[in-house]
Amino acid sequence: MEVTVVFAHHCTSCDRTELIDPSMILSLANTERGIEVRFECWCGAEQSMLSGRRVKSREAAAV
C-alpha cells in the first residue's frame, strides 16, 4: 500500500487554502527553528513554512 502525505496551506500570494502534495515541494531543511519546507503553490508562488516539534504555530510565508 502506498501512502501519500499532503498538507493544507493558505497561500500569501493567491489568498487561497489548497492541498500541497509532495510533487510541489522544492526543498526541506532542518534549522534551529524547525523543519523549513519550501514549495510551490498551485498559483505558482514559491512559499515556505516551518514544521516539526519546535514550531508552535505554522504560519505561511512568501519566499
PDB file of N, CA and C in Angstrom:
ATOM      1  N   MET A   1       0.835  -1.167   0.000  1.00  0.00           N
ATOM      2  CA  MET A   1       0.000   0.000   0.000  1.00  0.00           C
ATOM      3  C   MET A   1       0.887   1.240   0.000  1.00  0.00           C
ATOM      4  N   GLU A   2       0.574   2.171  -0.873  1.00  0.00           N
ATOM      5  CA  GLU A   2       1.320   3.423  -0.961  1.00  0.00           C
ATOM      6  C   GLU A   2       0.545   4.528  -0.258  1.00  0.00           C
ATOM      7  N   VAL A   3       1.249   5.320   0.545  1.00  0.00           N
ATOM      8  CA  VAL A   3       0.629   6.419   1.271  1.00  0.00           C
ATOM      9  C   VAL A   3       1.230   7.728   0.774  1.00  0.00           C
ATOM     10  N   THR A   4       0.389   8.678   0.421  1.00  0.00           N
ATOM     11  CA  THR A   4       0.847   9.992   0.005  1.00  0.00           C
ATOM     12  C   THR A   4       0.435  11.006   1.060  1.00  0.00           C
ATOM     13  N   VAL A   5       1.398  11.775   1.526  1.00  0.00           N
ATOM     14  CA  VAL A   5       1.124  12.780   2.548  1.00  0.00           C
ATOM     15  C   VAL A   5       0.923  14.129   1.870  1.00  0.00           C
ATOM     16  N   VAL A   6      -0.157  14.790   2.206  1.00  0.00           N
ATOM     17  CA  VAL A   6      -0.419  16.135   1.725  1.00  0.00           C
ATOM     18  C   VAL A   6      -0.683  17.030   2.937  1.00  0.00           C
ATOM     19  N   PHE A   7      -0.577  18.332   2.755  1.00  0.00           N
ATOM     20  CA  PHE A   7      -0.930  19.247   3.831  1.00  0.00           C
ATOM     21  C   PHE A   7      -1.656  20.446   3.256  1.00  0.00           C
ATOM     22  N   ALA A   8      -2.511  21.052   4.064  1.00  0.00           N
ATOM     23  CA  ALA A   8      -3.241  22.240   3.660  1.00  0.00           C
ATOM     24  C   ALA A   8      -2.373  23.458   3.916  1.00  0.00           C
ATOM     25  N   HIS A   9      -2.408  24.395   2.991  1.00  0.00           N
ATOM     26  CA  HIS A   9      -1.607  25.615   3.110  1.00  0.00           C
ATOM     27  C   HIS A   9      -2.418  26.800   2.616  1.00  0.00           C
ATOM     28  N   HIS A  10      -2.366  27.900   3.360  1.00  0.00           N
ATOM     29  CA  HIS A  10      -3.003  29.142   2.910  1.00  0.00           C
ATOM     30  C   HIS A  10      -1.935  30.008   2.265  1.00  0.00           C
ATOM     31  N   CYS A  11      -2.048  30.224   0.974  1.00  0.00           N
ATOM     32  CA  CYS A  11      -1.047  30.956   0.193  1.00  0.00           C
ATOM     33  C   CYS A  11      -1.144  32.455   0.462  1.00  0.00           C
ATOM     34  N   THR A  12       0.001  33.075   0.707  1.00  0.00           N
ATOM     35  CA  THR A  12       0.043  34.516   0.938  1.00  0.00           C
ATOM     36  C   THR A  12      -0.055  35.298  -0.366  1.00  0.00           C
ATOM     37  N   SER A  13       0.076  34.624  -1.491  1.00  0.00           N
ATOM     38  CA  SER A  13       0.010  35.293  -2.787  1.00  0.00           C
ATOM     39  C   SER A  13      -1.406  35.277  -3.374  1.00  0.00           C
ATOM     40  N   CYS A  14      -2.006  34.099  -3.474  1.00  0.00           N
ATOM     41  CA  CYS A  14      -3.342  33.995  -4.088  1.00  0.00           C
ATOM     42  C   CYS A  14      -4.469  34.024  -3.061  1.00  0.00           C
ATOM     43  N   ASP A  15      -4.135  33.994  -1.759  1.00  0.00           N
ATOM     44  CA  ASP A  15      -5.099  34.065  -0.655  1.00  0.00           C
ATOM     45  C   ASP A  15      -6.108  32.920  -0.683  1.00  0.00           C
ATOM     46  N   ARG A  16      -5.624  31.739  -1.099  1.00  0.00           N
ATOM     47  CA  ARG A  16      -6.473  30.544  -1.111  1.00  0.00           C
ATOM     48  C   ARG A  16      -5.819  29.454  -0.279  1.00  0.00           C
ATOM     49  N   THR A  17      -6.641  28.591   0.298  1.00  0.00           N
ATOM     50  CA  THR A  17      -6.145  27.426   1.018  1.00  0.00           C
ATOM     51  C   THR A  17      -6.275  26.222   0.098  1.00  0.00           C
ATOM     52  N   GLU A  18      -5.160  25.572  -0.165  1.00  0.00           N
ATOM     53  CA  GLU A  18      -5.103  24.432  -1.080  1.00  0.00           C
ATOM     54  C   GLU A  18      -4.310  23.300  -0.446  1.00  0.00           C
ATOM     55  N   LEU A  19      -4.514  22.092  -0.941  1.00  0.00           N
ATOM     56  CA  LEU A  19      -3.700  20.957  -0.522  1.00  0.00           C
ATOM     57  C   LEU A  19      -2.408  20.946  -1.325  1.00  0.00           C
ATOM     58  N   ILE A  20      -1.298  20.788  -0.625  1.00  0.00           N
ATOM     59  CA  ILE A  20       0.021  20.726  -1.256  1.00  0.00           C
ATOM     60  C   ILE A  20       0.472  19.273  -1.223  1.00  0.00           C
ATOM     61  N   ASP A  21       0.816  18.743  -2.400  1.00  0.00           N
ATOM     62  CA  ASP A  21       1.262  17.351  -2.445  1.00  0.00           C
ATOM     63  C   ASP A  21       2.778  17.292  -2.608  1.00  0.00           C
ATOM     64  N   PRO A  22       3.372  16.131  -2.404  1.00  0.00           N
ATOM     65  CA  PRO A  22       4.837  16.004  -2.421  1.00  0.00           C
ATOM     66  C   PRO A  22       5.511  16.496  -3.700  1.00  0.00           C
ATOM     67  N   SER A  23       4.838  16.420  -4.827  1.00  0.00           N
ATOM     68  CA  SER A  23       5.457  16.868  -6.079  1.00  0.00           C
ATOM     69  C   SER A  23       5.679  18.376  -6.107  1.00  0.00           C
ATOM     70  N   MET A  24       5.043  19.111  -5.211  1.00  0.00           N
ATOM     71  CA  MET A  24       5.150  20.573  -5.178  1.00  0.00           C
ATOM     72  C   MET A  24       6.266  21.048  -4.245  1.00  0.00           C
ATOM     73  N   ILE A  25       6.848  20.141  -3.459  1.00  0.00           N
ATOM     74  CA  ILE A  25       7.894  20.501  -2.508  1.00  0.00           C
ATOM     75  C   ILE A  25       9.204  20.731  -3.246  1.00  0.00           C
ATOM     76  N   LEU A  26       9.809  21.890  -2.981  1.00  0.00           N
ATOM     77  CA  LEU A  26      11.077  22.252  -3.609  1.00  0.00           C
ATOM     78  C   LEU A  26      12.264  21.858  -2.753  1.00  0.00           C
ATOM     79  N   SER A  27      12.128  21.988  -1.404  1.00  0.00           N
ATOM     80  CA  SER A  27      13.223  21.607  -0.523  1.00  0.00           C
ATOM     81  C   SER A  27      12.740  21.455   0.910  1.00  0.00           C
ATOM     82  N   LEU A  28      13.514  20.693   1.679  1.00  0.00           N
ATOM     83  CA  LEU A  28      13.321  20.515   3.117  1.00  0.00           C
ATOM     84  C   LEU A  28      14.667  20.783   3.773  1.00  0.00           C
ATOM     85  N   ALA A  29      14.657  21.541   4.868  1.00  0.00           N
ATOM     86  CA  ALA A  29      15.920  21.828   5.560  1.00  0.00           C
ATOM     87  C   ALA A  29      15.686  21.861   7.061  1.00  0.00           C
ATOM     88  N   ASN A  30      16.521  21.150   7.797  1.00  0.00           N
ATOM     89  CA  ASN A  30      16.484  21.220   9.261  1.00  0.00           C
ATOM     90  C   ASN A  30      17.170  22.509   9.691  1.00  0.00           C
ATOM     91  N   THR A  31      16.478  23.304  10.490  1.00  0.00           N
ATOM     92  CA  THR A  31      17.034  24.550  11.006  1.00  0.00           C
ATOM     93  C   THR A  31      16.866  24.559  12.523  1.00  0.00           C
ATOM     94  N   GLU A  32      17.438  25.531  13.175  1.00  0.00           N
ATOM     95  CA  GLU A  32      17.272  25.657  14.624  1.00  0.00           C
ATOM     96  C   GLU A  32      15.828  25.960  14.999  1.00  0.00           C
ATOM     97  N   ARG A  33      15.087  26.569  14.100  1.00  0.00           N
ATOM     98  CA  ARG A  33      13.680  26.917  14.366  1.00  0.00           C
ATOM     99  C   ARG A  33      12.724  25.771  14.073  1.00  0.00           C
ATOM    100  N   GLY A  34      13.160  24.783  13.327  1.00  0.00           N
ATOM    101  CA  GLY A  34      12.313  23.656  12.935  1.00  0.00           C
ATOM    102  C   GLY A  34      12.644  23.228  11.512  1.00  0.00           C
ATOM    103  N   ILE A  35      11.773  22.457  10.910  1.00  0.00           N
ATOM    104  CA  ILE A  35      11.981  21.991   9.543  1.00  0.00           C
ATOM    105  C   ILE A  35      11.374  23.019   8.594  1.00  0.00           C
ATOM    106  N   GLU A  36      12.215  23.599   7.741  1.00  0.00           N
ATOM    107  CA  GLU A  36      11.726  24.567   6.764  1.00  0.00           C
ATOM    108  C   GLU A  36      11.331  23.824   5.494  1.00  0.00           C
ATOM    109  N   VAL A  37      10.079  23.960   5.117  1.00  0.00           N
ATOM    110  CA  VAL A  37       9.553  23.336   3.903  1.00  0.00           C
ATOM    111  C   VAL A  37       9.327  24.439   2.878  1.00  0.00           C
ATOM    112  N   ARG A  38       9.980  24.341   1.734  1.00  0.00           N
ATOM    113  CA  ARG A  38       9.755  25.286   0.631  1.00  0.00           C
ATOM    114  C   ARG A  38       9.013  24.542  -0.463  1.00  0.00           C
ATOM    115  N   PHE A  39       8.004  25.198  -1.007  1.00  0.00           N
ATOM    116  CA  PHE A  39       7.161  24.547  -2.002  1.00  0.00           C
ATOM    117  C   PHE A  39       6.550  25.586  -2.922  1.00  0.00           C
ATOM    118  N   GLU A  40       5.948  25.110  -4.009  1.00  0.00           N
ATOM    119  CA  GLU A  40       5.278  25.987  -4.956  1.00  0.00           C
ATOM    120  C   GLU A  40       3.779  25.775  -4.848  1.00  0.00           C
ATOM    121  N   CYS A  41       3.049  26.870  -4.657  1.00  0.00           N
ATOM    122  CA  CYS A  41       1.586  26.819  -4.586  1.00  0.00           C
ATOM    123  C   CYS A  41       1.026  26.497  -5.983  1.00  0.00           C
ATOM    124  N   TRP A  42      -0.230  26.142  -6.038  1.00  0.00           N
ATOM    125  CA  TRP A  42      -0.898  25.885  -7.309  1.00  0.00           C
ATOM    126  C   TRP A  42      -0.893  27.120  -8.201  1.00  0.00           C
ATOM    127  N   CYS A  43      -0.826  28.313  -7.604  1.00  0.00           N
ATOM    128  CA  CYS A  43      -0.810  29.553  -8.389  1.00  0.00           C
ATOM    129  C   CYS A  43       0.579  29.857  -8.939  1.00  0.00           C
ATOM    130  N   GLY A  44       1.595  29.099  -8.505  1.00  0.00           N
ATOM    131  CA  GLY A  44       2.953  29.300  -8.986  1.00  0.00           C
ATOM    132  C   GLY A  44       3.842  30.071  -8.021  1.00  0.00           C
ATOM    133  N   ALA A  45       3.273  30.602  -6.939  1.00  0.00           N
ATOM    134  CA  ALA A  45       4.062  31.363  -5.964  1.00  0.00           C
ATOM    135  C   ALA A  45       4.890  30.419  -5.102  1.00  0.00           C
ATOM    136  N   GLU A  46       6.154  30.767  -4.911  1.00  0.00           N
ATOM    137  CA  GLU A  46       7.002  29.988  -4.018  1.00  0.00           C
ATOM    138  C   GLU A  46       6.679  30.390  -2.584  1.00  0.00           C
ATOM    139  N   GLN A  47       6.461  29.408  -1.722  1.00  0.00           N
ATOM    140  CA  GLN A  47       6.073  29.617  -0.342  1.00  0.00           C
ATOM    141  C   GLN A  47       6.989  28.811   0.567  1.00  0.00           C
ATOM    142  N   SER A  48       6.945  29.118   1.864  1.00  0.00           N
ATOM    143  CA  SER A  48       7.673  28.313   2.836  1.00  0.00           C
ATOM    144  C   SER A  48       6.885  28.261   4.127  1.00  0.00           C
ATOM    145  N   MET A  49       7.156  27.239   4.926  1.00  0.00           N
ATOM    146  CA  MET A  49       6.545  27.122   6.238  1.00  0.00           C
ATOM    147  C   MET A  49       7.487  26.330   7.134  1.00  0.00           C
ATOM    148  N   LEU A  50       7.333  26.514   8.431  1.00  0.00           N
ATOM    149  CA  LEU A  50       8.101  25.741   9.398  1.00  0.00           C
ATOM    150  C   LEU A  50       7.231  24.630   9.936  1.00  0.00           C
ATOM    151  N   SER A  51       7.839  23.481  10.146  1.00  0.00           N
ATOM    152  CA  SER A  51       7.133  22.318  10.665  1.00  0.00           C
ATOM    153  C   SER A  51       8.016  21.663  11.718  1.00  0.00           C
ATOM    154  N   GLY A  52       7.469  20.697  12.414  1.00  0.00           N
ATOM    155  CA  GLY A  52       8.248  19.961  13.392  1.00  0.00           C
ATOM    156  C   GLY A  52       7.841  20.279  14.815  1.00  0.00           C
ATOM    157  N   ARG A  53       8.458  19.607  15.753  1.00  0.00           N
ATOM    158  CA  ARG A  53       8.108  19.723  17.172  1.00  0.00           C
ATOM    159  C   ARG A  53       8.372  21.101  17.763  1.00  0.00           C
ATOM    160  N   ARG A  54       9.377  21.795  17.282  1.00  0.00           N
ATOM    161  CA  ARG A  54       9.743  23.088  17.863  1.00  0.00           C
ATOM    162  C   ARG A  54       8.794  24.222  17.471  1.00  0.00           C
ATOM    163  N   VAL A  55       8.000  24.009  16.441  1.00  0.00           N
ATOM    164  CA  VAL A  55       7.150  25.075  15.926  1.00  0.00           C
ATOM    165  C   VAL A  55       5.821  25.085  16.681  1.00  0.00           C
ATOM    166  N   LYS A  56       5.479  26.248  17.249  1.00  0.00           N
ATOM    167  CA  LYS A  56       4.235  26.368  17.987  1.00  0.00           C
ATOM    168  C   LYS A  56       3.058  26.671  17.068  1.00  0.00           C
ATOM    169  N   SER A  57       3.265  27.471  16.029  1.00  0.00           N
ATOM    170  CA  SER A  57       2.214  27.726  15.032  1.00  0.00           C
ATOM    171  C   SER A  57       2.843  27.658  13.660  1.00  0.00           C
ATOM    172  N   ARG A  58       2.087  27.211  12.709  1.00  0.00           N
ATOM    173  CA  ARG A  58       2.597  27.033  11.366  1.00  0.00           C
ATOM    174  C   ARG A  58       2.062  28.149  10.473  1.00  0.00           C
ATOM    175  N   GLU A  59       2.772  29.272  10.472  1.00  0.00           N
ATOM    176  CA  GLU A  59       2.357  30.382   9.645  1.00  0.00           C
ATOM    177  C   GLU A  59       3.085  30.321   8.307  1.00  0.00           C
ATOM    178  N   ALA A  60       2.346  30.604   7.255  1.00  0.00           N
ATOM    179  CA  ALA A  60       2.901  30.595   5.921  1.00  0.00           C
ATOM    180  C   ALA A  60       3.679  31.871   5.665  1.00  0.00           C
ATOM    181  N   ALA A  61       4.628  31.796   4.765  1.00  0.00           N
ATOM    182  CA  ALA A  61       5.386  32.973   4.376  1.00  0.00           C
ATOM    183  C   ALA A  61       5.726  32.884   2.902  1.00  0.00           C
ATOM    184  N   ALA A  62       5.622  34.000   2.219  1.00  0.00           N
ATOM    185  CA  ALA A  62       6.053  34.039   0.831  1.00  0.00           C
ATOM    186  C   ALA A  62       7.572  34.028   0.811  1.00  0.00           C
ATOM    187  N   VAL A  63       8.140  33.412  -0.185  1.00  0.00           N
ATOM    188  CA  VAL A  63       9.600  33.317  -0.290  1.00  0.00           C
ATOM    189  C   VAL A  63      10.107  34.462  -1.115  1.00  0.00           C
TER     190      VAL A  63
END
